[in-house]
Amino acid sequence: MKKILFADDDPTIRDVIHLILDDDYQVTTFTRGEPLMKNEFEVPDLFLLDRQLSDVDGLDLCRHLKKQSATKNIPIIIISASPNITALAHSAGADSVIEKPFLIQELRQMIASHL
């Protein structure tokens, strides 16, 4: 089963993501970005990162992950409620961006396209 590392500090979004993805993927959730900045995680097949975590900017986290040899080739999808984030996310190294609120099928298709 493919592994997704999901980082979001919103408990409602975390619950929704688990409901959507748990049947098809092994989802590991982080509520903060600091452990990811310290490389304290098992390397996944895909990162799903919130743009605005409570302790770390999701785009800074994306840049960090793309600079690490163990994670530089792993797809990163940024989730954001901010409009017009796509260009910023891509410049940070993100492979895709999905805006909140998102359609379940849209998220599933985006993830499947990277795995």
N, C-alpha and C. Protein backbone atom coordinates (compact mmCIF):
# COMPACT_ATOMS: atom_id res chain seq x y z
N MET A 1 0.85 -1.18 0.00
CA MET A 1 0.00 0.00 0.00
C MET A 1 0.89 1.25 0.00
N LYS A 2 0.59 2.19 -0.86
CA LYS A 2 1.36 3.44 -0.96
C LYS A 2 1.17 4.27 0.30
N LYS A 3 2.24 4.99 0.67
CA LYS A 3 2.23 5.79 1.89
C LYS A 3 2.14 7.27 1.56
N ILE A 4 1.23 7.94 2.26
CA ILE A 4 1.07 9.39 2.13
C ILE A 4 1.37 10.02 3.48
N LEU A 5 2.22 11.02 3.49
CA LEU A 5 2.47 11.80 4.69
C LEU A 5 1.66 13.08 4.55
N PHE A 6 0.76 13.30 5.50
CA PHE A 6 -0.16 14.44 5.46
C PHE A 6 0.12 15.35 6.64
N ALA A 7 0.34 16.64 6.38
CA ALA A 7 0.59 17.61 7.44
C ALA A 7 -0.45 18.71 7.39
N ASP A 8 -1.24 18.81 8.47
CA ASP A 8 -2.26 19.86 8.58
C ASP A 8 -2.59 20.02 10.05
N ASP A 9 -2.74 21.26 10.51
CA ASP A 9 -3.05 21.47 11.92
C ASP A 9 -4.55 21.58 12.20
N ASP A 10 -5.37 21.47 11.19
CA ASP A 10 -6.83 21.55 11.35
C ASP A 10 -7.40 20.14 11.54
N PRO A 11 -7.96 19.85 12.74
CA PRO A 11 -8.45 18.50 13.00
C PRO A 11 -9.58 18.07 12.06
N THR A 12 -10.41 18.99 11.63
CA THR A 12 -11.50 18.64 10.72
C THR A 12 -10.95 18.19 9.37
N ILE A 13 -10.00 18.93 8.84
CA ILE A 13 -9.38 18.56 7.56
C ILE A 13 -8.67 17.22 7.70
N ARG A 14 -7.97 17.01 8.81
CA ARG A 14 -7.29 15.72 9.02
C ARG A 14 -8.28 14.57 9.00
N ASP A 15 -9.41 14.75 9.68
CA ASP A 15 -10.44 13.69 9.69
C ASP A 15 -10.98 13.43 8.30
N VAL A 16 -11.24 14.48 7.54
CA VAL A 16 -11.77 14.34 6.18
C VAL A 16 -10.77 13.60 5.30
N ILE A 17 -9.51 13.97 5.38
CA ILE A 17 -8.48 13.32 4.57
C ILE A 17 -8.40 11.83 4.89
N HIS A 18 -8.45 11.51 6.17
CA HIS A 18 -8.43 10.08 6.54
C HIS A 18 -9.65 9.35 5.99
N LEU A 19 -10.82 9.95 6.08
CA LEU A 19 -12.02 9.31 5.53
C LEU A 19 -11.90 9.08 4.03
N ILE A 20 -11.31 10.03 3.34
CA ILE A 20 -11.18 9.95 1.88
C ILE A 20 -10.13 8.92 1.46
N LEU A 21 -9.02 8.85 2.19
CA LEU A 21 -7.84 8.12 1.70
C LEU A 21 -7.50 6.82 2.40
N ASP A 22 -8.00 6.60 3.61
CA ASP A 22 -7.56 5.44 4.39
C ASP A 22 -7.81 4.09 3.74
N ASP A 23 -8.82 3.97 2.91
CA ASP A 23 -9.10 2.68 2.27
C ASP A 23 -8.05 2.31 1.21
N ASP A 24 -7.44 3.32 0.61
CA ASP A 24 -6.52 3.08 -0.50
C ASP A 24 -5.05 3.33 -0.20
N TYR A 25 -4.79 4.08 0.87
CA TYR A 25 -3.41 4.47 1.17
C TYR A 25 -3.15 4.37 2.67
N GLN A 26 -1.89 4.22 3.02
CA GLN A 26 -1.47 4.30 4.41
C GLN A 26 -1.14 5.77 4.68
N VAL A 27 -1.98 6.43 5.46
CA VAL A 27 -1.82 7.87 5.71
C VAL A 27 -1.23 8.10 7.09
N THR A 28 -0.11 8.80 7.13
CA THR A 28 0.52 9.20 8.38
C THR A 28 0.31 10.70 8.51
N THR A 29 -0.19 11.13 9.67
CA THR A 29 -0.55 12.53 9.87
C THR A 29 0.40 13.23 10.83
N PHE A 30 0.76 14.43 10.47
CA PHE A 30 1.53 15.31 11.35
C PHE A 30 0.71 16.58 11.55
N THR A 31 0.68 17.07 12.79
CA THR A 31 -0.06 18.30 13.09
C THR A 31 0.84 19.53 13.02
N ARG A 32 2.14 19.29 12.96
CA ARG A 32 3.12 20.38 12.90
C ARG A 32 4.16 20.07 11.84
N GLY A 33 4.83 21.09 11.38
CA GLY A 33 5.84 20.91 10.35
C GLY A 33 7.25 20.69 10.89
N GLU A 34 7.48 21.04 12.15
CA GLU A 34 8.82 20.94 12.71
C GLU A 34 9.45 19.55 12.58
N PRO A 35 8.73 18.46 12.90
CA PRO A 35 9.36 17.14 12.72
C PRO A 35 9.77 16.87 11.28
N LEU A 36 9.04 17.43 10.33
CA LEU A 36 9.39 17.24 8.93
C LEU A 36 10.62 18.06 8.56
N MET A 37 10.74 19.24 9.14
CA MET A 37 11.92 20.07 8.90
C MET A 37 13.17 19.40 9.48
N LYS A 38 12.97 18.57 10.52
CA LYS A 38 14.09 17.85 11.15
C LYS A 38 14.26 16.45 10.57
N ASN A 39 13.50 16.15 9.53
CA ASN A 39 13.57 14.84 8.86
C ASN A 39 13.26 13.69 9.82
N GLU A 40 12.31 13.90 10.73
CA GLU A 40 11.91 12.89 11.70
C GLU A 40 10.62 12.21 11.24
N PHE A 41 10.74 11.42 10.17
CA PHE A 41 9.58 10.74 9.62
C PHE A 41 10.04 9.60 8.73
N GLU A 42 9.14 8.67 8.49
CA GLU A 42 9.40 7.59 7.54
C GLU A 42 9.08 8.14 6.15
N VAL A 43 9.98 7.93 5.22
CA VAL A 43 9.83 8.50 3.88
C VAL A 43 8.59 7.90 3.19
N PRO A 44 7.68 8.78 2.74
CA PRO A 44 6.44 8.32 2.09
C PRO A 44 6.59 8.25 0.57
N ASP A 45 5.51 7.89 -0.09
CA ASP A 45 5.45 7.92 -1.55
C ASP A 45 4.95 9.26 -2.06
N LEU A 46 4.30 10.04 -1.16
CA LEU A 46 3.75 11.34 -1.54
C LEU A 46 3.57 12.17 -0.28
N PHE A 47 3.83 13.49 -0.40
CA PHE A 47 3.56 14.44 0.67
C PHE A 47 2.31 15.23 0.31
N LEU A 48 1.43 15.40 1.29
CA LEU A 48 0.25 16.24 1.17
C LEU A 48 0.38 17.27 2.29
N LEU A 49 0.69 18.52 1.94
CA LEU A 49 1.04 19.53 2.93
C LEU A 49 0.10 20.72 2.90
N ASP A 50 -0.35 21.12 4.08
CA ASP A 50 -1.13 22.35 4.19
C ASP A 50 -0.19 23.53 3.98
N ARG A 51 -0.68 24.55 3.34
CA ARG A 51 0.12 25.75 3.05
C ARG A 51 0.48 26.48 4.33
N GLN A 52 -0.44 26.50 5.29
CA GLN A 52 -0.22 27.29 6.50
C GLN A 52 -0.35 26.41 7.74
N LEU A 53 0.76 25.83 8.16
CA LEU A 53 0.79 25.08 9.42
C LEU A 53 1.01 26.07 10.56
N SER A 54 0.72 25.64 11.78
CA SER A 54 0.84 26.56 12.92
C SER A 54 2.28 26.97 13.22
N ASP A 55 3.24 26.11 12.87
CA ASP A 55 4.62 26.40 13.24
C ASP A 55 5.56 26.61 12.05
N VAL A 56 5.14 26.22 10.86
CA VAL A 56 6.01 26.30 9.68
C VAL A 56 5.16 26.67 8.47
N ASP A 57 5.71 27.51 7.61
CA ASP A 57 5.04 27.80 6.34
C ASP A 57 5.17 26.56 5.46
N GLY A 58 4.06 26.10 4.91
CA GLY A 58 4.07 24.91 4.08
C GLY A 58 4.97 25.02 2.86
N LEU A 59 5.13 26.23 2.33
CA LEU A 59 6.01 26.42 1.18
C LEU A 59 7.48 26.30 1.59
N ASP A 60 7.82 26.78 2.80
CA ASP A 60 9.18 26.59 3.31
C ASP A 60 9.46 25.10 3.53
N LEU A 61 8.47 24.40 4.03
CA LEU A 61 8.60 22.96 4.23
C LEU A 61 8.79 22.25 2.90
N CYS A 62 8.04 22.66 1.91
CA CYS A 62 8.17 22.09 0.56
C CYS A 62 9.59 22.30 0.03
N ARG A 63 10.10 23.52 0.15
CA ARG A 63 11.47 23.81 -0.30
C ARG A 63 12.48 22.91 0.40
N HIS A 64 12.30 22.77 1.72
CA HIS A 64 13.21 21.93 2.51
C HIS A 64 13.19 20.49 2.01
N LEU A 65 12.00 19.94 1.82
CA LEU A 65 11.89 18.54 1.39
C LEU A 65 12.49 18.32 0.00
N LYS A 66 12.34 19.30 -0.87
CA LYS A 66 12.87 19.17 -2.22
C LYS A 66 14.40 19.32 -2.27
N LYS A 67 15.00 19.82 -1.19
CA LYS A 67 16.46 19.94 -1.13
C LYS A 67 17.12 18.71 -0.51
N GLN A 68 16.34 17.84 0.13
CA GLN A 68 16.89 16.66 0.79
C GLN A 68 17.02 15.51 -0.19
N SER A 69 18.14 14.82 -0.16
CA SER A 69 18.36 13.73 -1.13
C SER A 69 17.32 12.63 -1.00
N ALA A 70 16.86 12.34 0.22
CA ALA A 70 15.91 11.25 0.43
C ALA A 70 14.50 11.59 -0.04
N THR A 71 14.19 12.88 -0.16
CA THR A 71 12.81 13.28 -0.47
C THR A 71 12.67 14.16 -1.72
N LYS A 72 13.76 14.50 -2.36
CA LYS A 72 13.69 15.47 -3.46
C LYS A 72 12.85 14.99 -4.65
N ASN A 73 12.72 13.70 -4.84
CA ASN A 73 11.95 13.18 -5.97
C ASN A 73 10.55 12.71 -5.60
N ILE A 74 10.16 12.93 -4.36
CA ILE A 74 8.83 12.53 -3.90
C ILE A 74 7.84 13.65 -4.23
N PRO A 75 6.71 13.30 -4.85
CA PRO A 75 5.72 14.34 -5.19
C PRO A 75 5.18 15.04 -3.95
N ILE A 76 4.96 16.34 -4.09
CA ILE A 76 4.37 17.15 -3.03
C ILE A 76 3.15 17.86 -3.58
N ILE A 77 2.03 17.68 -2.88
CA ILE A 77 0.80 18.41 -3.19
C ILE A 77 0.56 19.38 -2.05
N ILE A 78 0.39 20.65 -2.38
CA ILE A 78 0.08 21.68 -1.39
C ILE A 78 -1.42 21.89 -1.36
N ILE A 79 -1.98 21.90 -0.14
CA ILE A 79 -3.40 22.21 0.06
C ILE A 79 -3.46 23.63 0.63
N SER A 80 -4.31 24.48 0.05
CA SER A 80 -4.35 25.86 0.51
C SER A 80 -5.73 26.47 0.34
N ALA A 81 -6.08 27.31 1.30
CA ALA A 81 -7.31 28.10 1.19
C ALA A 81 -7.01 29.44 0.53
N SER A 82 -5.74 29.73 0.32
CA SER A 82 -5.33 30.99 -0.30
C SER A 82 -5.53 30.93 -1.81
N PRO A 83 -6.22 31.92 -2.36
CA PRO A 83 -6.35 31.95 -3.82
C PRO A 83 -5.02 32.34 -4.45
N ASN A 84 -4.85 31.96 -5.68
CA ASN A 84 -3.66 32.33 -6.46
C ASN A 84 -2.35 31.85 -5.83
N ILE A 85 -2.37 30.69 -5.22
CA ILE A 85 -1.18 30.14 -4.57
C ILE A 85 -0.36 29.28 -5.53
N THR A 86 -0.92 28.93 -6.66
CA THR A 86 -0.30 27.95 -7.56
C THR A 86 1.12 28.33 -7.97
N ALA A 87 1.32 29.55 -8.42
CA ALA A 87 2.66 29.97 -8.88
C ALA A 87 3.67 29.92 -7.73
N LEU A 88 3.27 30.39 -6.56
CA LEU A 88 4.17 30.35 -5.40
C LEU A 88 4.52 28.92 -5.02
N ALA A 89 3.52 28.05 -5.03
CA ALA A 89 3.75 26.65 -4.66
C ALA A 89 4.68 25.97 -5.66
N HIS A 90 4.47 26.21 -6.93
CA HIS A 90 5.35 25.60 -7.93
C HIS A 90 6.78 26.13 -7.82
N SER A 91 6.92 27.41 -7.51
CA SER A 91 8.28 27.96 -7.35
C SER A 91 8.97 27.38 -6.11
N ALA A 92 8.18 26.91 -5.14
CA ALA A 92 8.75 26.26 -3.95
C ALA A 92 9.07 24.80 -4.20
N GLY A 93 8.66 24.28 -5.36
CA GLY A 93 8.96 22.89 -5.70
C GLY A 93 7.77 21.96 -5.67
N ALA A 94 6.59 22.48 -5.35
CA ALA A 94 5.40 21.62 -5.30
C ALA A 94 5.08 21.07 -6.68
N ASP A 95 4.59 19.84 -6.70
CA ASP A 95 4.22 19.21 -7.96
C ASP A 95 2.79 19.55 -8.36
N SER A 96 1.93 19.78 -7.36
CA SER A 96 0.53 20.14 -7.61
C SER A 96 0.01 20.97 -6.45
N VAL A 97 -1.10 21.64 -6.70
CA VAL A 97 -1.78 22.46 -5.69
C VAL A 97 -3.26 22.16 -5.77
N ILE A 98 -3.90 22.06 -4.61
CA ILE A 98 -5.35 21.92 -4.58
C ILE A 98 -5.89 22.94 -3.59
N GLU A 99 -6.90 23.68 -4.00
CA GLU A 99 -7.45 24.74 -3.15
C GLU A 99 -8.61 24.23 -2.31
N LYS A 100 -8.64 24.68 -1.05
CA LYS A 100 -9.77 24.40 -0.17
C LYS A 100 -10.87 25.39 -0.50
N PRO A 101 -12.10 25.00 -0.52
CA PRO A 101 -12.58 23.62 -0.40
C PRO A 101 -12.33 22.87 -1.71
N PHE A 102 -12.07 21.59 -1.60
CA PHE A 102 -11.79 20.78 -2.78
C PHE A 102 -12.83 19.68 -2.91
N LEU A 103 -12.96 19.17 -4.11
CA LEU A 103 -13.85 18.04 -4.35
C LEU A 103 -13.09 16.76 -4.05
N ILE A 104 -13.75 15.81 -3.42
CA ILE A 104 -13.11 14.54 -3.06
C ILE A 104 -12.49 13.87 -4.28
N GLN A 105 -13.24 13.80 -5.36
CA GLN A 105 -12.75 13.14 -6.56
C GLN A 105 -11.53 13.86 -7.14
N GLU A 106 -11.54 15.18 -7.05
CA GLU A 106 -10.41 15.97 -7.54
C GLU A 106 -9.13 15.62 -6.77
N LEU A 107 -9.24 15.52 -5.44
CA LEU A 107 -8.08 15.16 -4.63
C LEU A 107 -7.62 13.74 -4.95
N ARG A 108 -8.54 12.81 -5.03
CA ARG A 108 -8.17 11.42 -5.34
C ARG A 108 -7.47 11.32 -6.69
N GLN A 109 -7.99 12.01 -7.68
CA GLN A 109 -7.38 11.97 -9.02
C GLN A 109 -5.98 12.59 -9.01
N MET A 110 -5.83 13.68 -8.28
CA MET A 110 -4.53 14.33 -8.21
C MET A 110 -3.50 13.41 -7.56
N ILE A 111 -3.88 12.78 -6.46
CA ILE A 111 -2.97 11.86 -5.78
C ILE A 111 -2.63 10.69 -6.69
N ALA A 112 -3.64 10.10 -7.31
CA ALA A 112 -3.41 8.95 -8.20
C ALA A 112 -2.49 9.31 -9.35
N SER A 113 -2.57 10.53 -9.84
CA SER A 113 -1.72 10.93 -10.97
C SER A 113 -0.24 11.00 -10.60
N HIS A 114 0.05 11.13 -9.31
CA HIS A 114 1.44 11.21 -8.85
C HIS A 114 1.98 9.88 -8.33
N LEU A 115 1.11 8.90 -8.14
CA LEU A 115 1.57 7.62 -7.57
C LEU A 115 1.54 6.49 -8.58
